[in-house]
Amino acid sequence: MVSVKRLVLDVLKPHQPNALEFSRAIAGVGANYHVHLTVLEVDENTETLRMVVEANAIDFDAVQSAITSMGGSLHSIDEVEVQNQTDVD
């Protein structure tokens, strides 16, 4: 099974929710999600973020859905780390 271990995302979001609330919501999407969020740019209405999500198996669709539900939009996937874990009997 191939699992997504790390994503680096370019995200645009409104000022609210703030960066802490936004990070907590993304971390709450899955078990043991680790989120590192950096605000790169702030303008009158939005913030541009670099968001790193790490876990044993990231559900990308759930992360993207959480971003959208908070008024954000995913601009790009800048880095991906995946791992093929073969079942051994």
PDB file of N, CA and C in Angstrom:
ATOM      1  N   MET A   1       0.834  -1.178   0.000  1.00  0.00           N
ATOM      2  CA  MET A   1       0.000   0.000   0.000  1.00  0.00           C
ATOM      3  C   MET A   1       0.885   1.251   0.000  1.00  0.00           C
ATOM      4  N   VAL A   2       0.551   2.202  -0.840  1.00  0.00           N
ATOM      5  CA  VAL A   2       1.302   3.446  -0.918  1.00  0.00           C
ATOM      6  C   VAL A   2       0.614   4.482  -0.041  1.00  0.00           C
ATOM      7  N   SER A   3       1.376   5.070   0.880  1.00  0.00           N
ATOM      8  CA  SER A   3       0.841   6.071   1.811  1.00  0.00           C
ATOM      9  C   SER A   3       1.516   7.408   1.586  1.00  0.00           C
ATOM     10  N   VAL A   4       0.721   8.468   1.681  1.00  0.00           N
ATOM     11  CA  VAL A   4       1.263   9.819   1.619  1.00  0.00           C
ATOM     12  C   VAL A   4       1.757  10.169   3.013  1.00  0.00           C
ATOM     13  N   LYS A   5       3.029  10.507   3.131  1.00  0.00           N
ATOM     14  CA  LYS A   5       3.664  10.794   4.420  1.00  0.00           C
ATOM     15  C   LYS A   5       3.817  12.289   4.687  1.00  0.00           C
ATOM     16  N   ARG A   6       4.006  13.065   3.610  1.00  0.00           N
ATOM     17  CA  ARG A   6       4.285  14.499   3.783  1.00  0.00           C
ATOM     18  C   ARG A   6       3.770  15.267   2.576  1.00  0.00           C
ATOM     19  N   LEU A   7       3.102  16.395   2.854  1.00  0.00           N
ATOM     20  CA  LEU A   7       2.631  17.302   1.816  1.00  0.00           C
ATOM     21  C   LEU A   7       3.090  18.712   2.149  1.00  0.00           C
ATOM     22  N   VAL A   8       3.552  19.428   1.146  1.00  0.00           N
ATOM     23  CA  VAL A   8       3.837  20.849   1.290  1.00  0.00           C
ATOM     24  C   VAL A   8       2.872  21.558   0.348  1.00  0.00           C
ATOM     25  N   LEU A   9       2.001  22.389   0.922  1.00  0.00           N
ATOM     26  CA  LEU A   9       0.920  23.007   0.173  1.00  0.00           C
ATOM     27  C   LEU A   9       1.021  24.524   0.190  1.00  0.00           C
ATOM     28  N   ASP A  10       0.657  25.136  -0.922  1.00  0.00           N
ATOM     29  CA  ASP A  10       0.519  26.582  -1.033  1.00  0.00           C
ATOM     30  C   ASP A  10      -0.972  26.868  -0.932  1.00  0.00           C
ATOM     31  N   VAL A  11      -1.371  27.583   0.123  1.00  0.00           N
ATOM     32  CA  VAL A  11      -2.784  27.798   0.421  1.00  0.00           C
ATOM     33  C   VAL A  11      -3.062  29.290   0.563  1.00  0.00           C
ATOM     34  N   LEU A  12      -4.200  29.716   0.036  1.00  0.00           N
ATOM     35  CA  LEU A  12      -4.695  31.075   0.240  1.00  0.00           C
ATOM     36  C   LEU A  12      -5.919  30.978   1.129  1.00  0.00           C
ATOM     37  N   LYS A  13      -5.955  31.777   2.200  1.00  0.00           N
ATOM     38  CA  LYS A  13      -7.095  31.729   3.114  1.00  0.00           C
ATOM     39  C   LYS A  13      -7.485  33.137   3.545  1.00  0.00           C
ATOM     40  N   PRO A  14      -8.741  33.318   3.969  1.00  0.00           N
ATOM     41  CA  PRO A  14      -9.128  34.613   4.531  1.00  0.00           C
ATOM     42  C   PRO A  14      -8.456  34.806   5.896  1.00  0.00           C
ATOM     43  N   HIS A  15      -8.503  36.024   6.435  1.00  0.00           N
ATOM     44  CA  HIS A  15      -7.867  36.294   7.732  1.00  0.00           C
ATOM     45  C   HIS A  15      -8.469  35.458   8.863  1.00  0.00           C
ATOM     46  N   GLN A  16      -9.733  35.145   8.759  1.00  0.00           N
ATOM     47  CA  GLN A  16     -10.390  34.304   9.764  1.00  0.00           C
ATOM     48  C   GLN A  16     -10.842  33.006   9.124  1.00  0.00           C
ATOM     49  N   PRO A  17     -10.590  31.867   9.678  1.00  0.00           N
ATOM     50  CA  PRO A  17      -9.956  31.655  10.976  1.00  0.00           C
ATOM     51  C   PRO A  17      -8.472  32.033  10.943  1.00  0.00           C
ATOM     52  N   ASN A  18      -7.948  32.356  12.137  1.00  0.00           N
ATOM     53  CA  ASN A  18      -6.533  32.724  12.197  1.00  0.00           C
ATOM     54  C   ASN A  18      -5.656  31.486  11.968  1.00  0.00           C
ATOM     55  N   ALA A  19      -4.363  31.706  11.887  1.00  0.00           N
ATOM     56  CA  ALA A  19      -3.425  30.623  11.560  1.00  0.00           C
ATOM     57  C   ALA A  19      -3.481  29.474  12.561  1.00  0.00           C
ATOM     58  N   LEU A  20      -3.639  29.783  13.836  1.00  0.00           N
ATOM     59  CA  LEU A  20      -3.699  28.735  14.862  1.00  0.00           C
ATOM     60  C   LEU A  20      -4.950  27.879  14.696  1.00  0.00           C
ATOM     61  N   GLU A  21      -6.097  28.531  14.549  1.00  0.00           N
ATOM     62  CA  GLU A  21      -7.350  27.784  14.362  1.00  0.00           C
ATOM     63  C   GLU A  21      -7.315  26.963  13.084  1.00  0.00           C
ATOM     64  N   PHE A  22      -6.764  27.542  12.024  1.00  0.00           N
ATOM     65  CA  PHE A  22      -6.659  26.856  10.733  1.00  0.00           C
ATOM     66  C   PHE A  22      -5.789  25.606  10.875  1.00  0.00           C
ATOM     67  N   SER A  23      -4.647  25.738  11.533  1.00  0.00           N
ATOM     68  CA  SER A  23      -3.729  24.605  11.739  1.00  0.00           C
ATOM     69  C   SER A  23      -4.372  23.505  12.569  1.00  0.00           C
ATOM     70  N   ARG A  24      -5.063  23.907  13.629  1.00  0.00           N
ATOM     71  CA  ARG A  24      -5.739  22.914  14.474  1.00  0.00           C
ATOM     72  C   ARG A  24      -6.789  22.137  13.694  1.00  0.00           C
ATOM     73  N   ALA A  25      -7.532  22.834  12.860  1.00  0.00           N
ATOM     74  CA  ALA A  25      -8.562  22.159  12.065  1.00  0.00           C
ATOM     75  C   ALA A  25      -7.940  21.154  11.098  1.00  0.00           C
ATOM     76  N   ILE A  26      -6.837  21.515  10.466  1.00  0.00           N
ATOM     77  CA  ILE A  26      -6.164  20.584   9.541  1.00  0.00           C
ATOM     78  C   ILE A  26      -5.594  19.412  10.326  1.00  0.00           C
ATOM     79  N   ALA A  27      -4.982  19.662  11.478  1.00  0.00           N
ATOM     80  CA  ALA A  27      -4.428  18.576  12.290  1.00  0.00           C
ATOM     81  C   ALA A  27      -5.522  17.628  12.764  1.00  0.00           C
ATOM     82  N   GLY A  28      -6.729  18.145  12.959  1.00  0.00           N
ATOM     83  CA  GLY A  28      -7.837  17.321  13.407  1.00  0.00           C
ATOM     84  C   GLY A  28      -8.445  16.427  12.339  1.00  0.00           C
ATOM     85  N   VAL A  29      -7.992  16.558  11.117  1.00  0.00           N
ATOM     86  CA  VAL A  29      -8.532  15.769  10.006  1.00  0.00           C
ATOM     87  C   VAL A  29      -8.198  14.288  10.154  1.00  0.00           C
ATOM     88  N   GLY A  30      -7.024  13.973  10.694  1.00  0.00           N
ATOM     89  CA  GLY A  30      -6.613  12.568  10.781  1.00  0.00           C
ATOM     90  C   GLY A  30      -5.790  12.288  12.020  1.00  0.00           C
ATOM     91  N   ALA A  31      -5.582  11.015  12.248  1.00  0.00           N
ATOM     92  CA  ALA A  31      -4.817  10.571  13.418  1.00  0.00           C
ATOM     93  C   ALA A  31      -3.347  10.961  13.273  1.00  0.00           C
ATOM     94  N   ASN A  32      -2.814  11.564  14.328  1.00  0.00           N
ATOM     95  CA  ASN A  32      -1.393  11.908  14.407  1.00  0.00           C
ATOM     96  C   ASN A  32      -0.909  12.844  13.305  1.00  0.00           C
ATOM     97  N   TYR A  33      -1.792  13.712  12.818  1.00  0.00           N
ATOM     98  CA  TYR A  33      -1.376  14.700  11.813  1.00  0.00           C
ATOM     99  C   TYR A  33      -0.534  15.772  12.501  1.00  0.00           C
ATOM    100  N   HIS A  34       0.594  16.087  11.894  1.00  0.00           N
ATOM    101  CA  HIS A  34       1.477  17.153  12.357  1.00  0.00           C
ATOM    102  C   HIS A  34       1.429  18.247  11.299  1.00  0.00           C
ATOM    103  N   VAL A  35       1.094  19.476  11.710  1.00  0.00           N
ATOM    104  CA  VAL A  35       0.950  20.591  10.775  1.00  0.00           C
ATOM    105  C   VAL A  35       1.929  21.692  11.143  1.00  0.00           C
ATOM    106  N   HIS A  36       2.683  22.133  10.147  1.00  0.00           N
ATOM    107  CA  HIS A  36       3.571  23.291  10.304  1.00  0.00           C
ATOM    108  C   HIS A  36       3.099  24.317   9.289  1.00  0.00           C
ATOM    109  N   LEU A  37       2.655  25.472   9.781  1.00  0.00           N
ATOM    110  CA  LEU A  37       2.091  26.501   8.925  1.00  0.00           C
ATOM    111  C   LEU A  37       2.931  27.771   9.019  1.00  0.00           C
ATOM    112  N   THR A  38       3.280  28.339   7.869  1.00  0.00           N
ATOM    113  CA  THR A  38       4.010  29.594   7.804  1.00  0.00           C
ATOM    114  C   THR A  38       3.188  30.581   6.980  1.00  0.00           C
ATOM    115  N   VAL A  39       2.944  31.762   7.551  1.00  0.00           N
ATOM    116  CA  VAL A  39       2.272  32.824   6.810  1.00  0.00           C
ATOM    117  C   VAL A  39       3.337  33.530   5.975  1.00  0.00           C
ATOM    118  N   LEU A  40       3.188  33.476   4.664  1.00  0.00           N
ATOM    119  CA  LEU A  40       4.177  34.061   3.766  1.00  0.00           C
ATOM    120  C   LEU A  40       3.842  35.491   3.367  1.00  0.00           C
ATOM    121  N   GLU A  41       2.548  35.761   3.249  1.00  0.00           N
ATOM    122  CA  GLU A  41       2.118  37.066   2.752  1.00  0.00           C
ATOM    123  C   GLU A  41       0.753  37.401   3.329  1.00  0.00           C
ATOM    124  N   VAL A  42       0.546  38.662   3.621  1.00  0.00           N
ATOM    125  CA  VAL A  42      -0.745  39.130   4.123  1.00  0.00           C
ATOM    126  C   VAL A  42      -1.158  40.331   3.283  1.00  0.00           C
ATOM    127  N   ASP A  43      -2.400  40.305   2.795  1.00  0.00           N
ATOM    128  CA  ASP A  43      -2.922  41.494   2.131  1.00  0.00           C
ATOM    129  C   ASP A  43      -4.214  41.907   2.821  1.00  0.00           C
ATOM    130  N   GLU A  44      -4.964  42.761   2.199  1.00  0.00           N
ATOM    131  CA  GLU A  44      -6.156  43.326   2.830  1.00  0.00           C
ATOM    132  C   GLU A  44      -7.183  42.275   3.246  1.00  0.00           C
ATOM    133  N   ASN A  45      -7.348  41.225   2.435  1.00  0.00           N
ATOM    134  CA  ASN A  45      -8.397  40.235   2.688  1.00  0.00           C
ATOM    135  C   ASN A  45      -7.912  38.817   2.929  1.00  0.00           C
ATOM    136  N   THR A  46      -6.680  38.511   2.550  1.00  0.00           N
ATOM    137  CA  THR A  46      -6.232  37.115   2.572  1.00  0.00           C
ATOM    138  C   THR A  46      -4.821  36.967   3.118  1.00  0.00           C
ATOM    139  N   GLU A  47      -4.472  35.706   3.370  1.00  0.00           N
ATOM    140  CA  GLU A  47      -3.117  35.320   3.773  1.00  0.00           C
ATOM    141  C   GLU A  47      -2.658  34.178   2.877  1.00  0.00           C
ATOM    142  N   THR A  48      -1.426  34.244   2.438  1.00  0.00           N
ATOM    143  CA  THR A  48      -0.822  33.155   1.681  1.00  0.00           C
ATOM    144  C   THR A  48       0.001  32.324   2.646  1.00  0.00           C
ATOM    145  N   LEU A  49      -0.221  31.020   2.628  1.00  0.00           N
ATOM    146  CA  LEU A  49       0.406  30.118   3.588  1.00  0.00           C
ATOM    147  C   LEU A  49       1.257  29.068   2.898  1.00  0.00           C
ATOM    148  N   ARG A  50       2.297  28.644   3.577  1.00  0.00           N
ATOM    149  CA  ARG A  50       3.029  27.415   3.236  1.00  0.00           C
ATOM    150  C   ARG A  50       2.680  26.455   4.357  1.00  0.00           C
ATOM    151  N   MET A  51       2.015  25.371   4.016  1.00  0.00           N
ATOM    152  CA  MET A  51       1.560  24.433   5.026  1.00  0.00           C
ATOM    153  C   MET A  51       2.182  23.058   4.773  1.00  0.00           C
ATOM    154  N   VAL A  52       2.834  22.530   5.805  1.00  0.00           N
ATOM    155  CA  VAL A  52       3.430  21.204   5.736  1.00  0.00           C
ATOM    156  C   VAL A  52       2.592  20.292   6.629  1.00  0.00           C
ATOM    157  N   VAL A  53       2.105  19.203   6.044  1.00  0.00           N
ATOM    158  CA  VAL A  53       1.323  18.218   6.781  1.00  0.00           C
ATOM    159  C   VAL A  53       2.096  16.910   6.749  1.00  0.00           C
ATOM    160  N   GLU A  54       2.309  16.313   7.926  1.00  0.00           N
ATOM    161  CA  GLU A  54       3.022  15.041   8.019  1.00  0.00           C
ATOM    162  C   GLU A  54       2.205  14.067   8.855  1.00  0.00           C
ATOM    163  N   ALA A  55       2.211  12.802   8.449  1.00  0.00           N
ATOM    164  CA  ALA A  55       1.508  11.743   9.180  1.00  0.00           C
ATOM    165  C   ALA A  55       1.906  10.407   8.567  1.00  0.00           C
ATOM    166  N   ASN A  56       1.449   9.327   9.191  1.00  0.00           N
ATOM    167  CA  ASN A  56       1.728   7.996   8.641  1.00  0.00           C
ATOM    168  C   ASN A  56       0.977   7.752   7.350  1.00  0.00           C
ATOM    169  N   ALA A  57      -0.234   8.301   7.247  1.00  0.00           N
ATOM    170  CA  ALA A  57      -1.037   8.144   6.037  1.00  0.00           C
ATOM    171  C   ALA A  57      -1.984   9.333   5.940  1.00  0.00           C
ATOM    172  N   ILE A  58      -1.642  10.292   5.083  1.00  0.00           N
ATOM    173  CA  ILE A  58      -2.433  11.510   4.937  1.00  0.00           C
ATOM    174  C   ILE A  58      -3.559  11.261   3.935  1.00  0.00           C
ATOM    175  N   ASP A  59      -4.761  11.673   4.320  1.00  0.00           N
ATOM    176  CA  ASP A  59      -5.918  11.638   3.428  1.00  0.00           C
ATOM    177  C   ASP A  59      -5.986  12.995   2.738  1.00  0.00           C
ATOM    178  N   PHE A  60      -5.436  13.088   1.537  1.00  0.00           N
ATOM    179  CA  PHE A  60      -5.353  14.362   0.830  1.00  0.00           C
ATOM    180  C   PHE A  60      -6.730  14.967   0.597  1.00  0.00           C
ATOM    181  N   ASP A  61      -7.696  14.153   0.199  1.00  0.00           N
ATOM    182  CA  ASP A  61      -9.041  14.668  -0.065  1.00  0.00           C
ATOM    183  C   ASP A  61      -9.648  15.299   1.184  1.00  0.00           C
ATOM    184  N   ALA A  62      -9.423  14.698   2.343  1.00  0.00           N
ATOM    185  CA  ALA A  62      -9.942  15.245   3.598  1.00  0.00           C
ATOM    186  C   ALA A  62      -9.250  16.559   3.952  1.00  0.00           C
ATOM    187  N   VAL A  63      -7.951  16.646   3.713  1.00  0.00           N
ATOM    188  CA  VAL A  63      -7.213  17.890   3.967  1.00  0.00           C
ATOM    189  C   VAL A  63      -7.727  18.992   3.052  1.00  0.00           C
ATOM    190  N   GLN A  64      -7.882  18.678   1.781  1.00  0.00           N
ATOM    191  CA  GLN A  64      -8.371  19.659   0.815  1.00  0.00           C
ATOM    192  C   GLN A  64      -9.793  20.117   1.166  1.00  0.00           C
ATOM    193  N   SER A  65     -10.622  19.195   1.597  1.00  0.00           N
ATOM    194  CA  SER A  65     -11.988  19.522   1.998  1.00  0.00           C
ATOM    195  C   SER A  65     -12.001  20.451   3.216  1.00  0.00           C
ATOM    196  N   ALA A  66     -11.122  20.198   4.173  1.00  0.00           N
ATOM    197  CA  ALA A  66     -11.031  21.043   5.365  1.00  0.00           C
ATOM    198  C   ALA A  66     -10.584  22.458   4.996  1.00  0.00           C
ATOM    199  N   ILE A  67      -9.628  22.561   4.085  1.00  0.00           N
ATOM    200  CA  ILE A  67      -9.162  23.874   3.629  1.00  0.00           C
ATOM    201  C   ILE A  67     -10.324  24.649   3.009  1.00  0.00           C
ATOM    202  N   THR A  68     -11.054  23.996   2.127  1.00  0.00           N
ATOM    203  CA  THR A  68     -12.183  24.621   1.437  1.00  0.00           C
ATOM    204  C   THR A  68     -13.292  25.014   2.408  1.00  0.00           C
ATOM    205  N   SER A  69     -13.561  24.150   3.389  1.00  0.00           N
ATOM    206  CA  SER A  69     -14.647  24.424   4.337  1.00  0.00           C
ATOM    207  C   SER A  69     -14.364  25.654   5.208  1.00  0.00           C
ATOM    208  N   MET A  70     -13.089  26.037   5.328  1.00  0.00           N
ATOM    209  CA  MET A  70     -12.728  27.222   6.109  1.00  0.00           C
ATOM    210  C   MET A  70     -12.524  28.451   5.223  1.00  0.00           C
ATOM    211  N   GLY A  71     -12.934  28.346   3.954  1.00  0.00           N
ATOM    212  CA  GLY A  71     -12.853  29.487   3.051  1.00  0.00           C
ATOM    213  C   GLY A  71     -11.538  29.613   2.321  1.00  0.00           C
ATOM    214  N   GLY A  72     -10.670  28.627   2.471  1.00  0.00           N
ATOM    215  CA  GLY A  72      -9.373  28.664   1.812  1.00  0.00           C
ATOM    216  C   GLY A  72      -9.408  28.017   0.443  1.00  0.00           C
ATOM    217  N   SER A  73      -8.319  28.171  -0.292  1.00  0.00           N
ATOM    218  CA  SER A  73      -8.187  27.480  -1.572  1.00  0.00           C
ATOM    219  C   SER A  73      -6.749  26.981  -1.714  1.00  0.00           C
ATOM    220  N   LEU A  74      -6.646  25.794  -2.249  1.00  0.00           N
ATOM    221  CA  LEU A  74      -5.346  25.166  -2.475  1.00  0.00           C
ATOM    222  C   LEU A  74      -4.805  25.667  -3.801  1.00  0.00           C
ATOM    223  N   HIS A  75      -3.684  26.389  -3.764  1.00  0.00           N
ATOM    224  CA  HIS A  75      -3.086  26.900  -4.995  1.00  0.00           C
ATOM    225  C   HIS A  75      -2.203  25.862  -5.665  1.00  0.00           C
ATOM    226  N   SER A  76      -1.418  25.135  -4.863  1.00  0.00           N
ATOM    227  CA  SER A  76      -0.541  24.126  -5.460  1.00  0.00           C
ATOM    228  C   SER A  76      -0.064  23.140  -4.416  1.00  0.00           C
ATOM    229  N   ILE A  77       0.317  21.981  -4.918  1.00  0.00           N
ATOM    230  CA  ILE A  77       1.008  20.980  -4.111  1.00  0.00           C
ATOM    231  C   ILE A  77       2.475  21.129  -4.486  1.00  0.00           C
ATOM    232  N   ASP A  78       3.279  21.642  -3.551  1.00  0.00           N
ATOM    233  CA  ASP A  78       4.664  21.970  -3.859  1.00  0.00           C
ATOM    234  C   ASP A  78       5.643  20.836  -3.591  1.00  0.00           C
ATOM    235  N   GLU A  79       5.296  19.929  -2.689  1.00  0.00           N
ATOM    236  CA  GLU A  79       6.149  18.775  -2.379  1.00  0.00           C
ATOM    237  C   GLU A  79       5.267  17.640  -1.916  1.00  0.00           C
ATOM    238  N   VAL A  80       5.688  16.425  -2.246  1.00  0.00           N
ATOM    239  CA  VAL A  80       4.976  15.226  -1.790  1.00  0.00           C
ATOM    240  C   VAL A  80       6.000  14.166  -1.417  1.00  0.00           C
ATOM    241  N   GLU A  81       5.738  13.487  -0.318  1.00  0.00           N
ATOM    242  CA  GLU A  81       6.549  12.333   0.049  1.00  0.00           C
ATOM    243  C   GLU A  81       5.597  11.158   0.247  1.00  0.00           C
ATOM    244  N   VAL A  82       5.841  10.082  -0.474  1.00  0.00           N
ATOM    245  CA  VAL A  82       5.021   8.881  -0.345  1.00  0.00           C
ATOM    246  C   VAL A  82       5.907   7.691  -0.051  1.00  0.00           C
ATOM    247  N   GLN A  83       5.311   6.652   0.522  1.00  0.00           N
ATOM    248  CA  GLN A  83       6.064   5.454   0.843  1.00  0.00           C
ATOM    249  C   GLN A  83       5.223   4.244   0.509  1.00  0.00           C
ATOM    250  N   ASN A  84       5.857   3.270  -0.125  1.00  0.00           N
ATOM    251  CA  ASN A  84       5.203   1.997  -0.431  1.00  0.00           C
ATOM    252  C   ASN A  84       5.520   1.029   0.696  1.00  0.00           C
ATOM    253  N   GLN A  85       4.486   0.658   1.439  1.00  0.00           N
ATOM    254  CA  GLN A  85       4.662  -0.288   2.537  1.00  0.00           C
ATOM    255  C   GLN A  85       4.038  -1.615   2.110  1.00  0.00           C
ATOM    256  N   THR A  86       4.885  -2.589   1.876  1.00  0.00           N
ATOM    257  CA  THR A  86       4.439  -3.885   1.424  1.00  0.00           C
ATOM    258  C   THR A  86       4.047  -4.748   2.607  1.00  0.00           C
ATOM    259  N   ASP A  87       2.889  -5.393   2.507  1.00  0.00           N
ATOM    260  CA  ASP A  87       2.466  -6.315   3.552  1.00  0.00           C
ATOM    261  C   ASP A  87       3.349  -7.547   3.533  1.00  0.00           C
ATOM    262  N   VAL A  88       3.888  -7.910   4.701  1.00  0.00           N
ATOM    263  CA  VAL A  88       4.739  -9.085   4.801  1.00  0.00           C
ATOM    264  C   VAL A  88       4.032 -10.099   5.683  1.00  0.00           C
ATOM    265  N   ASP A  89       3.824 -11.287   5.150  1.00  0.00           N
ATOM    266  CA  ASP A  89       3.158 -12.348   5.929  1.00  0.00           C
ATOM    267  C   ASP A  89       4.167 -13.337   6.437  1.00  0.00           C
TER     268      ASP A  89
END
